[in-house]
Protein backbone atom coordinates (compact mmCIF):
# COMPACT_ATOMS: atom_id res chain seq x y z
CA MET A 1 23.51 17.87 -23.08
CA LEU A 2 23.76 15.31 -26.45
CA LEU A 3 26.07 17.41 -28.98
CA VAL A 4 28.52 18.16 -25.64
CA THR A 5 28.63 14.16 -24.68
CA PHE A 6 28.00 12.81 -28.40
CA VAL A 7 31.10 15.16 -30.36
CA GLY A 8 32.95 14.90 -27.05
CA SER A 9 32.98 11.01 -27.47
CA LEU A 10 34.28 11.18 -30.67
CA ILE A 11 36.64 13.97 -30.17
CA HIS A 12 38.52 11.76 -27.08
CA VAL A 13 38.88 8.81 -29.82
CA TYR A 14 40.23 11.43 -32.16
CA SER A 15 42.34 13.01 -29.51
CA ILE A 16 43.92 9.13 -28.33
CA ALA A 17 45.53 8.96 -32.07
CA TYR A 18 46.17 13.29 -31.88
CA MET A 19 48.49 12.98 -28.82
CA GLU A 20 49.91 10.09 -29.10
CA HIS A 21 53.28 11.16 -28.65
CA ASP A 22 52.47 13.80 -26.27
CA ALA A 23 54.29 13.65 -23.38
CA ASP A 24 51.89 15.24 -21.40
CA ARG A 25 48.76 13.73 -22.61
CA ARG A 26 47.27 12.35 -19.25
CA ARG A 27 47.24 16.31 -18.24
CA PHE A 28 46.04 17.14 -21.46
CA PHE A 29 42.43 14.14 -20.87
CA ALA A 30 42.14 15.44 -17.56
CA TYR A 31 41.55 19.00 -18.76
CA LEU A 32 39.11 17.76 -21.58
CA ASN A 33 37.50 16.04 -19.28
CA LEU A 34 36.84 19.00 -16.78
CA PHE A 35 35.59 20.34 -19.67
CA VAL A 36 32.84 17.71 -20.74
CA ALA A 37 31.71 18.09 -16.98
CA SER A 38 31.75 22.60 -16.41
CA MET A 39 30.19 21.39 -19.95
CA LEU A 40 27.75 19.51 -18.66
CA LEU A 41 26.72 21.61 -15.21
CA LEU A 42 26.06 24.61 -17.15
CA VAL A 43 23.77 22.93 -19.91
CA LEU A 44 22.09 20.76 -16.85
CA ALA A 45 21.62 23.26 -14.10
CA ASP A 46 18.43 24.36 -13.19
CA ALA A 47 19.08 27.74 -11.02
CA TYR A 48 21.87 30.94 -12.54
CA LEU A 49 23.48 30.69 -9.84
CA LEU A 50 24.73 26.72 -10.43
CA LEU A 51 24.94 27.64 -14.36
CA TYR A 52 27.14 29.95 -13.34
CA VAL A 53 29.72 27.94 -11.96
CA GLY A 54 29.34 25.87 -14.71
CA TRP A 55 30.27 28.81 -17.11
CA GLU A 56 33.11 29.43 -14.97
CA GLY A 57 34.41 25.94 -15.19
CA VAL A 58 34.27 25.70 -18.66
CA GLY A 59 36.66 28.59 -19.03
CA LEU A 60 39.13 27.77 -16.46
CA ALA A 61 39.02 24.65 -18.67
CA SER A 62 39.44 26.58 -21.88
CA TYR A 63 42.40 28.83 -20.35
CA LEU A 64 44.31 25.93 -19.37
CA LEU A 65 43.74 23.87 -22.73
CA ILE A 66 44.71 27.06 -24.47
CA GLY A 67 47.28 27.48 -23.29
CA PHE A 68 48.38 23.14 -22.82
CA TRP A 69 51.72 24.08 -24.50
CA ASN A 70 52.86 26.70 -22.22
CA HIS A 71 56.04 26.75 -22.92
CA ASN A 72 55.57 28.48 -26.03
CA PRO A 73 54.99 32.19 -24.85
CA ALA A 74 52.83 32.96 -27.64
CA TYR A 75 50.33 30.04 -26.53
CA ALA A 76 50.76 31.61 -23.12
CA ALA A 77 49.91 34.80 -23.97
CA ALA A 78 46.77 33.71 -26.30
CA ALA A 79 45.36 31.49 -23.19
CA LYS A 80 45.58 34.51 -20.70
CA LYS A 81 43.91 37.10 -23.55
CA ALA A 82 41.15 35.00 -24.18
CA PHE A 83 41.09 34.17 -19.87
CA ILE A 84 40.41 38.37 -19.97
CA ALA A 85 38.08 38.75 -22.52
CA ASN A 86 35.87 36.19 -20.84
CA ARG A 87 36.06 37.78 -17.09
CA VAL A 88 34.29 40.71 -19.10
CA GLY A 89 31.81 38.31 -20.23
CA ASP A 90 32.04 36.92 -16.94
CA PHE A 91 31.24 39.88 -14.85
CA GLY A 92 28.46 41.17 -16.63
CA LEU A 93 26.41 37.00 -15.98
CA SER A 94 27.42 37.58 -12.47
CA VAL A 95 25.60 41.28 -12.28
CA ALA A 96 22.58 39.76 -14.18
CA ILE A 97 22.47 37.44 -11.17
CA MET A 98 22.86 39.68 -8.56
CA ILE A 99 20.16 41.88 -10.14
CA MET A 100 17.80 39.08 -10.31
CA PHE A 101 18.90 38.38 -6.62
CA VAL A 102 17.85 41.66 -5.94
CA GLN A 103 14.41 41.75 -7.79
CA PHE A 104 13.29 37.97 -7.12
CA GLY A 105 14.62 36.77 -3.73
CA LYS A 106 15.61 33.77 -5.93
CA VAL A 107 17.83 32.62 -9.16
CA ASP A 108 16.44 29.70 -10.15
CA PHE A 109 15.16 29.23 -13.52
CA ALA A 110 11.48 28.71 -12.42
CA THR A 111 11.32 31.22 -9.71
CA VAL A 112 12.74 34.41 -12.36
CA PHE A 113 10.84 33.34 -15.64
CA ASN A 114 7.65 32.99 -13.22
CA ALA A 115 8.08 36.95 -11.51
CA SER A 116 9.33 38.92 -14.78
CA SER A 117 6.75 39.82 -15.70
CA GLY A 118 6.08 41.90 -12.09
CA ALA A 119 9.90 43.44 -13.23
CA SER A 120 10.00 46.79 -14.02
CA THR A 121 11.27 47.07 -17.56
CA ALA A 122 14.37 49.06 -16.44
CA ALA A 123 15.48 45.80 -14.62
CA LEU A 124 14.56 43.32 -17.01
CA THR A 125 16.53 45.58 -19.77
CA ALA A 126 19.53 45.42 -16.99
CA MET A 127 19.36 42.25 -16.46
CA ALA A 128 18.88 41.06 -20.40
CA LEU A 129 21.30 43.37 -21.40
CA MET A 130 23.75 41.80 -18.62
CA LEU A 131 22.92 38.26 -19.72
CA LEU A 132 24.10 39.32 -23.32
CA LEU A 133 27.73 40.69 -22.18
CA GLY A 134 28.10 37.01 -20.49
CA ALA A 135 26.98 35.55 -23.99
CA CYS A 136 28.79 38.37 -26.02
CA GLY A 137 32.46 36.86 -24.29
CA LYS A 138 31.51 33.28 -23.89
CA SER A 139 30.64 33.52 -27.80
CA ALA A 140 33.22 35.63 -28.96
CA GLN A 141 30.29 38.00 -30.36
CA PHE A 142 30.93 41.73 -30.97
CA PRO A 143 33.23 43.40 -29.15
CA LEU A 144 34.74 40.68 -27.34
CA GLN A 145 35.34 38.32 -30.02
CA SER A 146 39.02 38.93 -30.27
CA TRP A 147 40.71 36.27 -28.55
CA LEU A 148 39.12 33.55 -30.54
CA GLY A 149 41.48 33.47 -33.61
CA ASP A 150 44.35 33.23 -30.67
CA ALA A 151 42.36 30.54 -29.13
CA MET A 152 43.42 28.17 -31.98
CA ALA A 153 46.96 27.91 -29.94
CA GLY A 154 45.27 24.76 -28.21
CA PRO A 155 45.46 21.66 -29.53
CA THR A 156 43.21 20.58 -32.72
CA PRO A 157 41.32 18.94 -30.47
CA VAL A 158 40.39 21.34 -28.22
CA SER A 159 39.14 23.58 -30.99
CA ALA A 160 36.56 21.29 -31.95
CA LEU A 161 35.32 20.49 -28.83
CA ILE A 162 35.42 23.69 -27.40
CA HIS A 163 36.22 26.60 -30.09
CA ALA A 164 33.85 24.96 -32.56
CA ALA A 165 30.68 22.84 -30.89
CA THR A 166 30.65 23.36 -27.20
CA MET A 167 31.39 26.48 -25.26
CA VAL A 168 31.16 29.30 -27.50
CA THR A 169 27.79 28.20 -28.27
CA ALA A 170 26.77 28.77 -24.43
CA GLY A 171 26.11 32.72 -24.96
CA VAL A 172 23.29 31.19 -28.18
CA TYR A 173 21.93 29.09 -25.12
CA LEU A 174 22.56 31.18 -22.30
CA VAL A 175 20.23 34.10 -24.57
CA VAL A 176 17.42 31.41 -25.57
CA ARG A 177 17.37 29.71 -21.90
CA SER A 178 16.44 33.10 -20.76
CA HIS A 179 14.34 34.14 -23.67
CA PRO A 180 11.44 34.76 -20.76
CA ILE A 181 13.07 37.83 -19.65
CA PHE A 182 14.33 38.73 -23.41
CA ASP A 183 10.94 38.49 -25.05
CA LEU A 184 10.22 41.26 -21.60
CA ALA A 185 12.77 43.32 -22.68
CA PRO A 186 12.74 44.68 -26.18
CA ASN A 187 15.13 47.07 -26.27
CA ALA A 188 17.27 44.82 -25.28
CA GLN A 189 16.03 41.93 -27.81
CA LEU A 190 17.20 44.10 -30.69
CA VAL A 191 20.29 45.07 -29.34
CA VAL A 192 20.92 40.72 -29.22
CA VAL A 193 19.76 40.82 -32.86
CA ILE A 194 22.53 44.09 -33.93
CA VAL A 195 25.12 41.82 -31.98
CA GLY A 196 24.32 39.58 -34.06
CA ALA A 197 24.76 40.91 -37.61
CA ILE A 198 27.80 42.67 -36.84
CA THR A 199 29.10 39.39 -35.87
CA LEU A 200 28.63 37.22 -38.74
CA VAL A 201 29.54 40.13 -41.42
CA PHE A 202 33.16 40.88 -39.10
CA GLY A 203 33.84 36.45 -39.00
CA ALA A 204 33.23 36.45 -42.68
CA VAL A 205 35.18 39.37 -43.80
CA VAL A 206 38.36 37.98 -41.92
CA GLY A 207 37.34 34.16 -42.93
CA CYS A 208 37.90 35.65 -46.50
CA ALA A 209 42.00 36.71 -45.71
CA LYS A 210 43.03 33.85 -43.65
CA ASP A 211 45.61 31.53 -44.76
CA ASP A 212 45.95 30.23 -41.62
CA LEU A 213 43.53 26.87 -41.80
CA LYS A 214 42.02 27.16 -37.75
CA LYS A 215 41.94 30.89 -37.77
CA ALA A 216 40.03 30.50 -41.00
CA LEU A 217 37.91 27.66 -39.38
CA ALA A 218 38.04 30.29 -36.11
CA ALA A 219 36.28 33.15 -38.22
CA SER A 220 33.67 30.99 -39.55
CA THR A 221 32.82 30.13 -36.25
CA MET A 222 32.35 33.31 -34.86
CA SER A 223 30.30 34.39 -38.13
CA GLN A 224 28.00 30.88 -38.36
CA ILE A 225 27.44 32.22 -33.95
CA GLY A 226 26.81 35.53 -35.53
CA TYR A 227 23.86 33.76 -37.12
CA MET A 228 22.67 32.12 -33.96
CA MET A 229 22.85 34.79 -31.64
CA LEU A 230 20.62 37.01 -34.94
CA ALA A 231 18.19 34.66 -34.37
CA ALA A 232 18.17 34.19 -31.17
CA GLY A 233 17.25 37.91 -30.56
CA LEU A 234 14.23 37.93 -33.12
CA GLY A 235 12.24 36.19 -30.56
CA PRO A 236 9.86 33.39 -30.79
CA VAL A 237 10.16 33.06 -34.73
CA GLY A 238 13.90 32.55 -34.28
CA TYR A 239 14.67 30.81 -30.77
CA VAL A 240 14.25 27.15 -32.75
CA PHE A 241 16.24 28.10 -35.62
CA ALA A 242 18.90 29.33 -32.69
CA ILE A 243 19.01 26.54 -31.05
CA PHE A 244 18.46 24.08 -34.71
CA HIS A 245 21.89 25.78 -36.10
CA LEU A 246 23.55 25.17 -32.76
CA LEU A 247 23.37 21.87 -33.14
CA THR A 248 24.02 21.55 -36.85
CA HIS A 249 26.89 23.67 -36.43
CA GLY A 250 27.97 21.52 -34.22
CA PHE A 251 28.92 18.77 -35.83
CA PHE A 252 30.01 19.98 -39.50
CA LYS A 253 32.45 22.75 -37.41
CA ALA A 254 33.83 20.46 -35.35
CA GLY A 255 34.12 17.38 -38.21
CA MET A 256 35.84 20.38 -39.87
CA PHE A 257 38.48 20.97 -37.43
CA LEU A 258 39.12 17.84 -37.25
CA GLY A 259 39.63 17.77 -40.71
CA ALA A 260 42.06 20.25 -40.30
CA GLY A 261 43.99 18.19 -37.21
CA SER A 262 44.24 15.70 -39.91
CA VAL A 263 45.43 18.12 -42.32
CA MET A 264 48.38 18.82 -40.04
CA HIS A 265 48.75 15.52 -39.16
CA GLY A 266 49.75 14.28 -43.09
CA MET A 267 51.30 18.05 -43.64
CA ARG A 268 54.63 18.38 -40.66
CA ASP A 269 51.49 20.34 -37.87
CA ARG A 270 51.65 23.47 -41.18
CA VAL A 271 48.78 25.58 -41.11
CA ASP A 272 49.77 28.12 -44.28
CA MET A 273 47.19 26.63 -46.67
CA ARG A 274 49.15 28.12 -49.23
CA THR A 275 51.91 25.39 -48.86
CA PHE A 276 48.74 22.98 -49.59
CA GLY A 277 47.00 22.11 -52.97
CA GLY A 278 46.24 18.82 -54.60
CA LEU A 279 45.69 16.99 -50.94
CA SER A 280 42.41 14.94 -52.41
CA ALA A 281 44.74 13.09 -54.07
CA LYS A 282 47.26 11.19 -50.70
CA MET A 283 44.21 12.27 -48.33
CA LYS A 284 40.81 10.76 -49.66
CA ILE A 285 39.01 10.39 -45.97
CA THR A 286 40.14 13.09 -44.54
CA TRP A 287 38.96 15.16 -48.05
CA ILE A 288 35.23 13.37 -48.60
CA THR A 289 34.70 14.38 -44.72
CA PHE A 290 35.78 17.73 -44.52
CA GLY A 291 33.89 18.69 -48.08
CA LEU A 292 30.84 17.55 -46.70
CA GLY A 293 31.14 19.86 -43.20
CA TRP A 294 31.98 22.26 -46.51
CA LEU A 295 28.93 21.72 -48.00
CA ALA A 296 26.68 21.75 -45.22
CA ILE A 297 28.61 25.38 -43.73
CA ILE A 298 27.80 26.64 -47.18
CA GLY A 299 24.16 25.98 -46.95
CA PHE A 300 24.26 23.58 -50.02
CA PRO A 301 20.41 21.47 -50.97
CA GLY A 302 19.16 19.00 -48.82
CA LEU A 303 22.21 19.28 -46.04
CA SER A 304 22.22 20.17 -42.73
CA GLY A 305 23.57 23.87 -43.04
CA PHE A 306 20.60 23.93 -46.00
CA TRP A 307 18.04 23.78 -42.96
CA SER A 308 19.73 25.40 -40.27
CA LYS A 309 20.81 28.69 -41.61
CA ASP A 310 18.73 29.10 -44.25
CA LYS A 311 15.81 28.71 -41.46
CA ILE A 312 17.21 31.95 -39.88
CA ILE A 313 17.80 34.10 -42.90
CA GLU A 314 13.97 33.49 -43.43
CA ALA A 315 12.84 34.29 -39.98
CA ALA A 316 15.29 37.54 -40.49
CA PHE A 317 12.68 39.25 -43.34
CA GLU A 318 9.80 38.19 -40.90
CA GLY A 319 8.12 41.35 -39.63
CA ASP A 320 7.59 44.80 -40.82
CA GLY A 321 9.87 48.11 -41.26
CA TRP A 322 13.00 48.21 -41.82
CA ARG A 323 14.77 45.65 -39.26
CA ALA A 324 13.35 43.21 -41.84
CA TRP A 325 14.75 44.35 -44.31
CA VAL A 326 18.17 45.35 -42.78
CA PHE A 327 18.57 42.03 -40.83
CA GLY A 328 17.40 39.79 -44.03
CA LEU A 329 19.53 41.21 -46.48
CA THR A 330 22.28 41.08 -43.90
CA ALA A 331 21.52 37.43 -42.87
CA MET A 332 21.35 36.83 -46.89
CA LEU A 333 25.20 38.10 -48.38
CA ALA A 334 26.86 37.11 -45.03
CA ALA A 335 25.68 33.81 -47.00
CA GLY A 336 26.97 34.75 -50.06
CA VAL A 337 30.43 35.72 -48.32
CA THR A 338 30.42 32.13 -46.18
CA ALA A 339 30.11 30.57 -49.55
CA PHE A 340 33.52 32.56 -50.86
CA TYR A 341 35.77 31.92 -47.82
CA MET A 342 34.77 28.61 -47.08
CA SER A 343 35.02 27.86 -50.41
CA ARG A 344 38.39 29.63 -50.63
CA LEU A 345 39.72 26.58 -47.62
CA PHE A 346 38.60 24.03 -48.95
CA PHE A 347 40.31 24.67 -52.47
CA MET A 348 43.56 26.19 -51.34
CA THR A 349 44.01 23.10 -49.21
CA PHE A 350 42.27 20.08 -51.26
CA MET A 351 42.00 20.79 -54.89
CA GLY A 352 43.64 22.66 -56.74
CA LYS A 353 47.77 22.62 -57.85
CA ARG A 354 49.97 20.92 -55.15
CA ARG A 355 52.29 23.68 -53.51
CA TRP A 356 53.91 21.71 -50.75
CA LEU A 357 57.29 21.96 -49.47
CA GLU A 358 60.07 19.82 -50.35
CA ASP A 359 60.17 17.75 -47.20
CA ASP A 360 55.87 17.27 -47.65
CA HIS A 361 55.02 13.59 -47.78
CA PRO A 362 50.89 13.66 -47.14
CA HIS A 363 49.09 10.71 -45.79
CA GLU A 364 45.83 9.46 -44.62
CA SER A 365 45.31 9.74 -40.73
CA PRO A 366 45.17 6.13 -38.84
CA ALA A 367 41.62 4.83 -38.02
CA LEU A 368 41.04 6.71 -34.79
CA MET A 369 40.97 9.48 -35.99
CA THR A 370 39.40 9.15 -39.26
CA VAL A 371 36.03 7.25 -37.91
CA PRO A 372 35.11 10.45 -35.87
CA MET A 373 35.57 12.40 -39.24
CA MET A 374 33.02 10.13 -40.75
CA VAL A 375 30.59 9.81 -37.88
CA LEU A 376 30.99 13.90 -37.86
CA ALA A 377 30.60 14.23 -41.26
CA VAL A 378 27.03 11.51 -41.32
CA GLY A 379 25.76 13.93 -38.67
CA SER A 380 26.48 17.22 -41.93
CA ALA A 381 24.61 15.21 -43.54
CA LEU A 382 21.82 14.28 -42.45
CA LEU A 383 21.32 15.80 -39.20
CA GLY A 384 19.59 18.62 -40.47
CA LEU A 385 17.00 16.69 -42.61
CA ALA A 386 16.16 14.85 -39.62
CA LEU A 387 15.32 17.85 -37.61
CA GLY A 388 14.06 20.25 -40.11
CA PRO A 389 11.13 19.36 -42.53
CA THR A 390 10.27 16.54 -40.72
CA GLY A 391 9.24 19.63 -38.05
CA LEU A 392 10.81 17.70 -35.13
CA ILE A 393 13.49 20.62 -33.89
CA GLU A 394 10.10 22.62 -33.23
CA ASP A 395 8.13 19.81 -31.71
CA TRP A 396 11.33 19.10 -28.79
CA LEU A 397 12.00 22.58 -28.23
CA HIS A 398 7.91 23.55 -28.36
CA PRO A 399 7.78 23.30 -24.00
CA VAL A 400 10.99 25.32 -23.44
CA VAL A 401 10.68 28.45 -26.02
CA GLY A 402 6.73 27.69 -27.02
CA GLU A 403 4.65 28.06 -29.84
CA HIS A 404 6.25 29.27 -33.86
CA PRO A 405 4.61 32.40 -34.14
CA ASP A 406 3.42 32.10 -38.10
CA VAL A 407 4.20 35.00 -39.27
CA GLU A 408 4.80 36.57 -43.16
CA PRO A 409 8.44 37.19 -44.39
CA VAL A 410 8.60 40.68 -45.84
CA LEU A 411 10.06 38.23 -49.21
CA ALA A 412 8.22 34.63 -49.90
CA PRO A 413 10.22 31.78 -48.38
CA ALA A 414 10.97 30.56 -51.96
CA VAL A 415 12.55 34.04 -53.30
CA ILE A 416 14.47 34.22 -50.09
CA THR A 417 15.77 30.57 -50.75
CA ILE A 418 16.51 30.88 -54.58
CA LEU A 419 18.42 34.65 -53.62
CA THR A 420 20.42 32.89 -50.68
CA LEU A 421 21.00 30.18 -53.15
CA VAL A 422 21.82 32.37 -56.12
CA LEU A 423 24.66 34.26 -53.62
CA VAL A 424 25.60 30.84 -52.56
CA LEU A 425 26.32 29.93 -56.54
CA LEU A 426 28.00 33.19 -57.35
CA GLY A 427 30.85 32.72 -53.93
CA VAL A 428 31.90 29.17 -55.32
CA GLY A 429 32.25 30.13 -58.34
CA LEU A 430 34.22 33.27 -57.26
CA ALA A 431 36.38 31.12 -55.21
CA TYR A 432 37.15 28.94 -58.07
CA LEU A 433 38.21 30.96 -60.55
CA ARG A 434 40.54 32.57 -57.99
CA TYR A 435 41.78 29.50 -55.76
CA TRP A 436 41.31 26.78 -58.07
CA ARG A 437 41.83 27.07 -61.76
CA ASP A 438 43.74 29.81 -60.99
CA ASP A 439 47.51 29.84 -59.51
CA VAL A 440 48.01 30.36 -55.75
CA ALA A 441 51.04 31.30 -54.60
CA ARG A 442 53.18 30.35 -51.54
CA THR A 443 53.67 33.64 -50.71
CA ALA A 444 50.82 36.36 -49.68
CA PRO A 445 50.94 39.14 -52.30
CA VAL A 446 50.88 42.24 -50.44
CA GLY A 447 46.61 42.81 -50.84
CA SER A 448 44.51 45.82 -50.95
CA LEU A 449 44.00 48.18 -47.80
CA ALA A 450 40.27 45.43 -46.92
CA THR A 451 43.02 42.69 -47.63
CA ARG A 452 45.56 43.79 -45.32
CA ALA A 453 42.49 45.05 -42.70
CA ALA A 454 41.20 41.65 -42.87
CA ARG A 455 44.39 39.48 -42.10
CA ARG A 456 44.32 42.16 -38.70
CA ASP A 457 40.66 40.74 -37.52
CA LEU A 458 39.86 44.44 -38.63
CA PHE A 459 42.34 45.74 -36.49
CA GLN A 460 40.17 44.93 -33.49
CA ASP A 461 43.08 44.37 -31.46
CA ASP A 462 44.52 47.67 -32.20
CA VAL A 463 41.23 48.98 -31.03
CA ASN A 464 41.79 47.09 -27.97
CA GLU A 465 45.11 48.18 -27.23
CA ALA A 466 44.45 51.71 -28.29
CA LEU A 467 41.02 51.55 -25.88
CA LEU A 468 42.09 49.33 -22.96
CA MET A 469 45.65 48.28 -22.61
CA ARG A 470 47.41 51.52 -23.28
CA PRO A 471 45.15 53.26 -21.06
CA GLY A 472 45.71 51.46 -19.08
CA GLN A 473 48.92 50.95 -19.00
CA HIS A 474 49.63 54.56 -18.15
CA LEU A 475 46.89 54.69 -15.86
CA THR A 476 49.11 51.59 -13.91
CA ARG A 477 52.83 54.17 -14.71
CA SER A 478 51.05 56.94 -13.41
CA LEU A 479 49.56 54.96 -10.67
CA VAL A 480 53.26 53.67 -9.64
CA PHE A 481 54.53 57.04 -10.23
CA ALA A 482 52.37 58.28 -7.59
CA ASP A 483 53.42 55.88 -5.10
CA ASN A 484 57.18 56.03 -5.79
CA LYS A 485 57.27 59.59 -5.09
CA GLY A 486 54.09 60.87 -3.66
CA VAL A 487 53.17 58.26 -0.87
CA ASP A 488 56.88 56.39 -0.83
CA GLY A 489 58.49 60.15 -1.30
CA ALA A 490 56.72 61.65 1.98
CA VAL A 491 57.29 58.49 3.99
CA GLY A 492 61.37 58.33 2.71
CA GLY A 493 60.93 62.19 3.11
CA LEU A 494 60.05 62.42 5.95
CA ALA A 495 62.89 59.89 7.34
CA ALA A 496 65.88 61.32 5.65
CA LEU A 497 64.28 64.98 7.18
CA ILE A 498 64.77 63.10 11.02
CA GLY A 499 68.12 61.75 9.76
CA GLY A 500 69.61 64.62 8.46
CA LEU A 501 68.65 66.60 12.24
CA SER A 502 69.60 63.60 14.28
CA ALA A 503 73.31 63.42 12.52
CA ARG A 504 73.27 67.08 13.10
CA THR A 505 71.95 67.47 16.58
CA ARG A 506 74.83 64.34 17.08
CA ARG A 507 77.51 67.02 15.96
CA LEU A 508 77.05 68.79 19.10
CA GLN A 509 77.90 65.41 21.41
CA ASN A 510 81.98 65.55 20.88
CA GLY A 511 82.34 64.53 24.09
CA PHE A 512 84.64 68.00 24.77
CA VAL A 513 84.60 69.41 28.22
CA ARG A 514 84.44 72.95 27.09
CA THR A 515 82.39 72.63 24.45
CA TYR A 516 79.62 71.36 27.06
CA ALA A 517 80.59 74.10 29.00
CA LEU A 518 79.99 76.63 26.42
CA GLY A 519 76.28 75.81 25.44
CA MET A 520 76.16 76.02 29.57
CA LEU A 521 77.28 79.36 29.95
CA ALA A 522 75.07 80.25 26.57
CA GLY A 523 72.26 79.16 28.21
CA VAL A 524 72.31 81.45 30.99
CA VAL A 525 73.35 83.91 29.63
CA VAL A 526 70.28 83.03 27.38
CA LEU A 527 68.02 83.10 30.92
CA LEU A 528 69.74 86.26 32.04
CA ALA A 529 69.01 88.04 28.72
CA ALA A 530 64.79 86.73 29.18
CA VAL A 531 64.77 88.03 32.49
CA ALA A 532 66.07 91.26 32.19
CA VAL A 533 63.65 92.03 29.28
CA ILE A 534 60.51 90.83 31.33
CA SER A 535 61.48 92.43 34.33
């Protein structure tokens, strides 16, 4: 609730200047406040049905804000895409609520959690998987992640508030809030970890190849929420760190999205990083605040991301068997990839040689935009320090998630931290050599097959079109054909038959007495012949 209201207030202030010249800014703020109200309802609900009302409200607000500039057909299509993908996830949440009602008779949190221990494993697993489906839709997790990149069609403050700090983390909140159900459904819990691991790698790979500033940040958001989801699936060892990273990520990612909006403000609304470079000299406040967010997300020692993300990596190594090694190494290696693509983004935008276009005159944004960025930058730097090493976050969440178990990781925590920092340093160094020291072309090279695949979001839209859209189109066309030729054809054919018979029958009614007399004679002959045959 504090994240939604605090970050939301800063973004409202930022939006006053950002949307100053938009003719429909009143409608924009109406939608933005509809979102905040729905998000608060979602967070403050004490029952799944009330949570569902807020859940649908934020989905509606997201649709309205993504398509705010709906005079652009591409933006309108992006809004519809987000709406449909979220409807798939919302179906899962609605089914989970139905199962709860059948099993427990009520859907309030207290009743469901207290009665969960008496439910069957099959019912609990079904509930957990349906809750996960809802979380995947809202939090852009595999396989319902394709909408988030297109959602960047909305105004940048929308991307900061909805698609970075609040709505997309609602799925993580849902899983952690429902932890009594997931604790009793270990198979579903494992699926949560797998989904999180796939998504964090997916987002990291896609982020490496994006030249669109906002879409690169969107891929980063997808990856970071994958970290949160992975932690939420680890059980009691990860619940606290999932929410901890949710909070810190809300600050540094919202700050970077607002920084992206500031860059767009100074660069004639362009988002192609290949036409930026050297902006640190002209936009110092944006450069510094964005830089603190960059250092936080890559896990620079002492900043917020270091305390929250590294704890998730450490938690992934806890336990024994193959899971600890697979998920721990996945989370650790992804941290190195994160450092690379976020450094690439930072260096291409603010450092290196200037690649501006002829009419570019970059300048710093007004105070209404820079002050919220500075406040978020302070949070990016200090929030983790205030909550992490002090143990405050664990004490705060103790009434909800219980005691944090003391489980030894398969690697010593110091070794995990050192290896992670080495990978982060390698990622930053590689980005420095490629995107700061060397020249960056204004036009992206063709690249390898892997690069082209990453630019196309690893073909996620192609897969969705092949598996869902085209079969749906063919099914619809088949049904229309069957309706036209079958149902309508049968009705039309019967009508044509009757019409044809009527037309032919009318020809006998020609008004000539001789024709009628001939008809009567023929009838008499037929009757006489019939009588003769019978007798």
